[in-house]
N, C-alpha and C. Protein backbone atom coordinates (compact mmCIF):
# COMPACT_ATOMS: atom_id res chain seq x y z
N GLN A 1 -20.88 0.06 2.34
CA GLN A 1 -19.65 -0.23 3.23
C GLN A 1 -18.60 -0.46 2.42
N VAL A 2 -17.51 0.41 2.60
CA VAL A 2 -16.16 0.26 1.85
C VAL A 2 -15.47 -0.91 2.82
N GLN A 3 -14.79 -1.76 2.03
CA GLN A 3 -14.16 -2.75 2.30
C GLN A 3 -12.90 -2.91 1.62
N LEU A 4 -11.77 -3.09 2.36
CA LEU A 4 -10.36 -3.05 1.74
C LEU A 4 -9.74 -4.05 2.11
N VAL A 5 -9.24 -5.21 1.13
CA VAL A 5 -8.58 -6.29 1.69
C VAL A 5 -7.33 -6.58 0.93
N GLU A 6 -6.21 -6.46 1.68
CA GLU A 6 -4.83 -6.71 1.25
C GLU A 6 -4.37 -8.00 1.31
N SER A 7 -3.45 -8.28 0.38
CA SER A 7 -2.82 -9.45 0.36
C SER A 7 -1.51 -9.57 -0.30
N GLY A 8 -0.82 -10.52 -0.32
CA GLY A 8 0.57 -10.51 -0.92
C GLY A 8 1.71 -10.43 0.13
N GLY A 9 1.63 -10.17 1.19
CA GLY A 9 2.71 -10.14 2.14
C GLY A 9 3.17 -11.34 2.32
N GLY A 10 4.46 -11.61 3.08
CA GLY A 10 5.01 -12.92 3.53
C GLY A 10 6.71 -12.56 3.94
N LEU A 11 7.35 -13.73 4.12
CA LEU A 11 8.42 -13.53 4.53
C LEU A 11 9.54 -13.78 3.34
N VAL A 12 10.15 -12.84 3.17
CA VAL A 12 11.17 -12.67 2.06
C VAL A 12 12.63 -12.15 2.54
N GLN A 13 13.64 -12.79 1.63
CA GLN A 13 15.01 -12.30 2.09
C GLN A 13 15.51 -10.94 1.35
N ALA A 14 16.41 -10.23 2.03
CA ALA A 14 16.67 -8.92 1.69
C ALA A 14 17.16 -9.31 0.24
N GLY A 15 16.81 -7.95 -0.61
CA GLY A 15 17.13 -8.12 -1.88
C GLY A 15 15.86 -8.69 -2.96
N GLY A 16 14.85 -9.31 -2.19
CA GLY A 16 13.81 -10.00 -2.96
C GLY A 16 12.95 -8.84 -3.21
N SER A 17 11.65 -9.42 -3.80
CA SER A 17 10.67 -8.54 -4.32
C SER A 17 9.28 -9.13 -3.75
N LEU A 18 8.28 -8.23 -3.74
CA LEU A 18 6.94 -8.64 -3.29
C LEU A 18 5.89 -7.58 -4.10
N ARG A 19 4.86 -8.21 -4.40
CA ARG A 19 3.80 -7.23 -4.88
C ARG A 19 2.68 -7.34 -3.98
N LEU A 20 2.21 -6.26 -3.30
CA LEU A 20 1.00 -6.43 -2.47
C LEU A 20 -0.23 -6.00 -3.16
N SER A 21 -1.29 -6.49 -3.00
CA SER A 21 -2.61 -6.30 -3.75
C SER A 21 -3.74 -5.76 -2.67
N CYS A 22 -4.55 -4.92 -3.14
CA CYS A 22 -5.75 -4.38 -2.31
C CYS A 22 -6.77 -4.30 -3.02
N ALA A 23 -7.80 -5.12 -2.61
CA ALA A 23 -9.00 -5.38 -3.40
C ALA A 23 -10.10 -4.30 -2.71
N ALA A 24 -10.71 -3.63 -3.42
CA ALA A 24 -11.60 -2.48 -2.67
C ALA A 24 -13.17 -2.70 -3.24
N SER A 25 -13.90 -2.72 -2.41
CA SER A 25 -15.54 -2.67 -2.45
C SER A 25 -16.32 -1.65 -2.01
N GLY A 26 -17.14 -1.40 -2.43
CA GLY A 26 -18.23 -0.59 -1.66
C GLY A 26 -17.75 0.81 -1.86
N SER A 27 -16.83 1.07 -2.56
CA SER A 27 -16.12 2.53 -2.70
C SER A 27 -16.41 3.09 -4.25
N ILE A 28 -16.38 4.47 -4.26
CA ILE A 28 -16.37 5.20 -5.41
C ILE A 28 -15.06 4.96 -5.81
N PHE A 29 -14.28 3.85 -6.01
CA PHE A 29 -12.90 3.50 -6.24
C PHE A 29 -12.22 4.51 -7.31
N SER A 30 -12.98 4.64 -8.55
CA SER A 30 -12.42 5.39 -9.54
C SER A 30 -12.07 6.71 -9.19
N ILE A 31 -12.74 7.44 -8.22
CA ILE A 31 -12.42 8.92 -8.02
C ILE A 31 -11.69 9.08 -6.99
N ASN A 32 -11.43 8.18 -6.09
CA ASN A 32 -10.72 8.27 -4.76
C ASN A 32 -9.09 8.11 -5.03
N THR A 33 -8.59 8.89 -4.23
CA THR A 33 -7.12 8.59 -3.75
C THR A 33 -7.05 7.38 -3.15
N MET A 34 -6.15 6.56 -3.39
CA MET A 34 -5.65 5.45 -2.73
C MET A 34 -4.26 5.34 -2.17
N ALA A 35 -3.91 4.85 -1.19
CA ALA A 35 -2.56 4.74 -0.70
C ALA A 35 -2.20 3.51 0.14
N TRP A 36 -0.93 3.42 0.21
CA TRP A 36 -0.38 2.34 1.09
C TRP A 36 0.46 2.98 2.36
N TYR A 37 0.30 2.53 3.30
CA TYR A 37 1.11 2.78 4.53
C TYR A 37 1.55 1.71 5.19
N ARG A 38 2.42 1.90 6.09
CA ARG A 38 3.12 0.68 6.98
C ARG A 38 3.29 1.23 8.12
N GLN A 39 3.39 0.23 9.14
CA GLN A 39 3.62 0.38 10.43
C GLN A 39 4.56 -0.72 10.92
N ALA A 40 5.70 -0.29 11.37
CA ALA A 40 6.64 -1.23 11.85
C ALA A 40 6.56 -1.31 13.29
N PRO A 41 7.01 -2.43 14.00
CA PRO A 41 6.86 -2.68 15.31
C PRO A 41 7.45 -1.38 16.19
N GLY A 42 6.55 -0.84 17.14
CA GLY A 42 7.18 0.23 17.78
C GLY A 42 7.27 1.72 17.35
N LYS A 43 6.56 1.64 15.99
CA LYS A 43 6.68 2.85 15.16
C LYS A 43 5.10 3.23 14.89
N GLU A 44 5.10 4.62 14.54
CA GLU A 44 3.86 5.05 13.94
C GLU A 44 3.66 4.84 12.33
N ARG A 45 2.47 4.48 12.25
CA ARG A 45 2.02 4.19 10.94
C ARG A 45 2.42 5.46 10.03
N GLU A 46 3.20 5.14 8.90
CA GLU A 46 3.43 6.17 7.94
C GLU A 46 3.09 5.87 6.47
N LEU A 47 2.95 7.03 5.94
CA LEU A 47 2.56 6.92 4.22
C LEU A 47 3.64 6.28 3.65
N VAL A 48 3.51 5.36 2.77
CA VAL A 48 4.81 4.86 1.74
C VAL A 48 4.35 5.42 0.39
N ALA A 49 3.16 5.52 -0.24
CA ALA A 49 2.93 5.96 -1.45
C ALA A 49 1.29 6.29 -1.64
N LEU A 50 0.96 7.00 -2.37
CA LEU A 50 -0.32 7.21 -2.88
C LEU A 50 -0.67 7.50 -4.39
N ILE A 51 -1.81 7.25 -4.87
CA ILE A 51 -1.93 7.46 -6.30
C ILE A 51 -3.49 7.85 -6.41
N THR A 52 -3.40 9.23 -7.02
CA THR A 52 -4.85 9.84 -7.37
C THR A 52 -5.73 9.13 -8.49
N SER A 53 -6.93 9.60 -8.47
CA SER A 53 -7.69 8.87 -9.32
C SER A 53 -7.17 9.05 -10.86
N GLY A 54 -6.41 9.98 -11.07
CA GLY A 54 -5.88 10.49 -12.18
C GLY A 54 -4.43 9.80 -12.62
N GLY A 55 -3.84 9.01 -11.50
CA GLY A 55 -2.81 8.24 -11.92
C GLY A 55 -1.45 9.00 -11.10
N SER A 56 -1.83 10.15 -10.58
CA SER A 56 -0.30 10.91 -10.00
C SER A 56 -0.01 10.09 -9.07
N THR A 57 1.27 9.86 -8.68
CA THR A 57 1.74 9.46 -7.74
C THR A 57 2.66 10.15 -6.65
N HIS A 58 2.82 9.58 -5.36
CA HIS A 58 3.62 10.31 -4.47
C HIS A 58 4.12 9.19 -3.58
N TYR A 59 5.71 9.38 -3.30
CA TYR A 59 6.19 8.41 -2.71
C TYR A 59 7.02 9.00 -1.37
N GLU A 60 6.95 8.19 -0.40
CA GLU A 60 7.83 8.69 0.83
C GLU A 60 9.44 8.67 0.47
N ASP A 61 10.22 9.56 0.60
CA ASP A 61 11.46 9.84 0.14
C ASP A 61 12.50 8.61 0.34
N SER A 62 12.18 7.93 1.57
CA SER A 62 13.08 6.83 1.83
C SER A 62 12.95 5.33 0.94
N ILE A 63 11.85 5.51 0.38
CA ILE A 63 11.63 4.34 -0.39
C ILE A 63 11.48 4.51 -2.01
N ARG A 64 11.66 5.85 -2.37
CA ARG A 64 11.44 6.05 -3.72
C ARG A 64 12.43 5.58 -4.48
N GLY A 65 12.12 5.08 -5.72
CA GLY A 65 12.81 4.03 -6.52
C GLY A 65 12.85 2.61 -6.37
N ARG A 66 12.17 2.17 -5.16
CA ARG A 66 12.10 0.76 -4.96
C ARG A 66 10.76 0.40 -4.89
N PHE A 67 9.88 1.29 -4.40
CA PHE A 67 8.52 0.97 -4.50
C PHE A 67 7.73 1.60 -5.59
N THR A 68 6.62 0.93 -6.17
CA THR A 68 5.83 1.45 -7.35
C THR A 68 4.34 1.42 -7.08
N ILE A 69 3.73 2.14 -6.81
CA ILE A 69 2.10 2.11 -6.69
C ILE A 69 1.48 1.99 -8.15
N SER A 70 0.36 1.34 -8.06
CA SER A 70 -0.38 1.44 -9.28
C SER A 70 -1.74 1.02 -9.19
N ARG A 71 -2.61 1.29 -9.96
CA ARG A 71 -4.14 0.83 -9.73
C ARG A 71 -4.64 0.48 -10.91
N ASP A 72 -5.94 -0.26 -10.78
CA ASP A 72 -6.67 -0.72 -12.09
C ASP A 72 -7.97 -0.46 -11.69
N ASN A 73 -8.47 0.80 -12.19
CA ASN A 73 -9.74 1.26 -11.93
C ASN A 73 -10.85 0.03 -12.22
N ASP A 74 -10.86 -0.51 -13.34
CA ASP A 74 -11.91 -1.45 -13.60
C ASP A 74 -12.02 -2.68 -12.93
N LYS A 75 -10.82 -2.94 -12.05
CA LYS A 75 -10.92 -4.19 -11.22
C LYS A 75 -11.05 -3.64 -9.65
N ASN A 76 -11.03 -2.26 -9.28
CA ASN A 76 -10.96 -1.63 -8.27
C ASN A 76 -9.97 -2.39 -7.26
N MET A 77 -8.59 -2.21 -7.82
CA MET A 77 -7.42 -2.96 -7.42
C MET A 77 -6.49 -1.89 -7.23
N VAL A 78 -5.77 -1.83 -6.09
CA VAL A 78 -4.44 -1.03 -6.10
C VAL A 78 -3.42 -1.84 -5.39
N TYR A 79 -2.16 -1.72 -6.26
CA TYR A 79 -0.96 -2.58 -5.91
C TYR A 79 0.25 -1.87 -5.50
N LEU A 80 0.97 -2.53 -4.96
CA LEU A 80 2.32 -2.01 -4.24
C LEU A 80 3.49 -3.04 -4.92
N GLN A 81 4.29 -2.49 -5.78
CA GLN A 81 5.37 -3.52 -6.10
C GLN A 81 6.61 -2.93 -5.37
N ILE A 82 7.26 -3.78 -4.59
CA ILE A 82 8.41 -3.59 -3.65
C ILE A 82 9.55 -4.40 -4.33
N ASN A 83 10.48 -3.75 -4.58
CA ASN A 83 11.77 -4.26 -5.07
C ASN A 83 13.01 -3.93 -3.98
N ASN A 84 13.97 -4.93 -4.34
CA ASN A 84 15.12 -4.54 -3.33
C ASN A 84 14.82 -4.52 -1.87
N LEU A 85 13.96 -5.39 -1.49
CA LEU A 85 13.60 -5.46 -0.04
C LEU A 85 14.73 -5.34 0.94
N LYS A 86 14.63 -4.59 2.04
CA LYS A 86 15.42 -4.46 3.12
C LYS A 86 14.76 -4.74 4.48
N PRO A 87 15.66 -5.32 5.46
CA PRO A 87 15.00 -5.60 6.75
C PRO A 87 14.29 -4.58 7.39
N GLU A 88 14.72 -3.16 7.06
CA GLU A 88 13.82 -2.13 7.60
C GLU A 88 12.38 -1.82 7.05
N ASP A 89 12.17 -2.76 5.93
CA ASP A 89 10.88 -2.67 5.18
C ASP A 89 9.97 -3.43 6.10
N THR A 90 10.50 -4.18 7.22
CA THR A 90 9.49 -5.17 7.70
C THR A 90 8.51 -4.25 8.36
N ALA A 91 7.18 -4.55 8.24
CA ALA A 91 6.08 -3.93 8.75
C ALA A 91 4.73 -4.64 8.41
N VAL A 92 3.64 -3.98 8.86
CA VAL A 92 2.47 -4.39 8.36
C VAL A 92 2.12 -3.18 7.50
N TYR A 93 1.66 -3.81 6.17
CA TYR A 93 1.29 -2.81 5.28
C TYR A 93 -0.06 -2.57 5.13
N TYR A 94 -0.88 -1.44 5.01
CA TYR A 94 -2.12 -1.17 5.16
C TYR A 94 -2.42 -0.45 3.86
N CYS A 95 -3.67 -0.85 3.30
CA CYS A 95 -4.26 -0.08 2.12
C CYS A 95 -5.04 1.06 2.62
N SER A 96 -5.30 2.07 2.13
CA SER A 96 -6.09 3.02 2.74
C SER A 96 -7.04 3.82 1.50
N ASP A 97 -8.28 4.00 1.64
CA ASP A 97 -9.11 4.81 0.68
C ASP A 97 -9.36 6.11 1.19
N TYR A 98 -9.04 7.15 0.53
CA TYR A 98 -9.11 8.62 1.03
C TYR A 98 -10.55 8.99 0.84
N GLY A 99 -11.34 8.28 0.20
CA GLY A 99 -12.69 8.73 0.33
C GLY A 99 -13.15 10.20 -0.46
N LEU A 100 -14.16 10.78 0.04
CA LEU A 100 -14.37 12.00 -0.45
C LEU A 100 -13.81 13.32 0.20
N ALA A 101 -13.09 12.82 1.45
CA ALA A 101 -12.67 13.77 2.24
C ALA A 101 -11.13 14.17 1.90
N GLY A 102 -10.71 13.45 1.18
CA GLY A 102 -9.26 13.64 0.77
C GLY A 102 -8.15 13.19 1.73
N ARG A 103 -8.61 12.33 2.63
CA ARG A 103 -7.76 11.97 3.77
C ARG A 103 -8.09 10.61 3.95
N PRO A 104 -7.10 9.79 4.61
CA PRO A 104 -7.41 8.51 4.92
C PRO A 104 -8.77 8.20 5.63
N GLU A 105 -9.61 7.49 5.04
CA GLU A 105 -10.86 7.45 5.62
C GLU A 105 -11.23 5.81 5.87
N TYR A 106 -10.76 5.04 5.08
CA TYR A 106 -11.11 3.73 5.14
C TYR A 106 -9.83 2.74 5.26
N TRP A 107 -9.64 1.86 5.89
CA TRP A 107 -8.49 0.99 6.10
C TRP A 107 -8.63 -0.44 5.93
N GLY A 108 -7.86 -0.95 5.29
CA GLY A 108 -7.67 -2.67 5.34
C GLY A 108 -7.35 -3.17 6.66
N GLN A 109 -7.38 -4.45 6.73
CA GLN A 109 -6.81 -5.15 7.87
C GLN A 109 -5.08 -5.34 7.89
N GLY A 110 -4.66 -4.96 6.97
CA GLY A 110 -3.19 -5.15 6.81
C GLY A 110 -2.58 -6.46 6.36
N THR A 111 -1.48 -6.46 6.01
CA THR A 111 -0.64 -7.70 5.42
C THR A 111 0.84 -7.42 5.90
N GLN A 112 1.23 -8.75 6.46
CA GLN A 112 2.58 -8.49 7.04
C GLN A 112 3.67 -8.88 6.04
N VAL A 113 4.77 -7.93 6.07
CA VAL A 113 5.82 -8.29 5.32
C VAL A 113 6.79 -8.19 6.33
N ASP A 114 7.63 -9.50 6.29
CA ASP A 114 8.90 -9.63 6.91
C ASP A 114 10.14 -10.18 5.94
N VAL A 115 11.04 -9.06 6.19
CA VAL A 115 12.45 -9.18 5.30
C VAL A 115 13.41 -9.60 6.25
N SER A 116 14.13 -10.84 5.91
CA SER A 116 15.30 -11.30 6.86
C SER A 116 16.66 -10.91 5.97
N SER A 117 17.66 -10.78 6.74
CA SER A 117 18.71 -10.24 6.35
C SER A 117 19.79 -11.52 5.94
């Protein structure tokens, strides 16, 4: 059974930084695409960034340059470094494992990020 556990969220002032972590277990982690999504209050969940097994990355246009996704296949971890945080980044951030289907198949419980102005 795949389990994803996010951590690293919190309350931060605008302009600050956070590093979100996602620990994966029960997954064929090294071959799966992993991704970070976020859901702001009253909005739909949206893709923030993804990273393939080979390390190729994709970012949503609005956050490009401020967010960096990375992974450590030896530790079954995926990270999201967020710099220059803005109030509009306030959301619950979710880790997703794309599994063998090549689409979001497993989800973590989310970690809350709050950015004050």
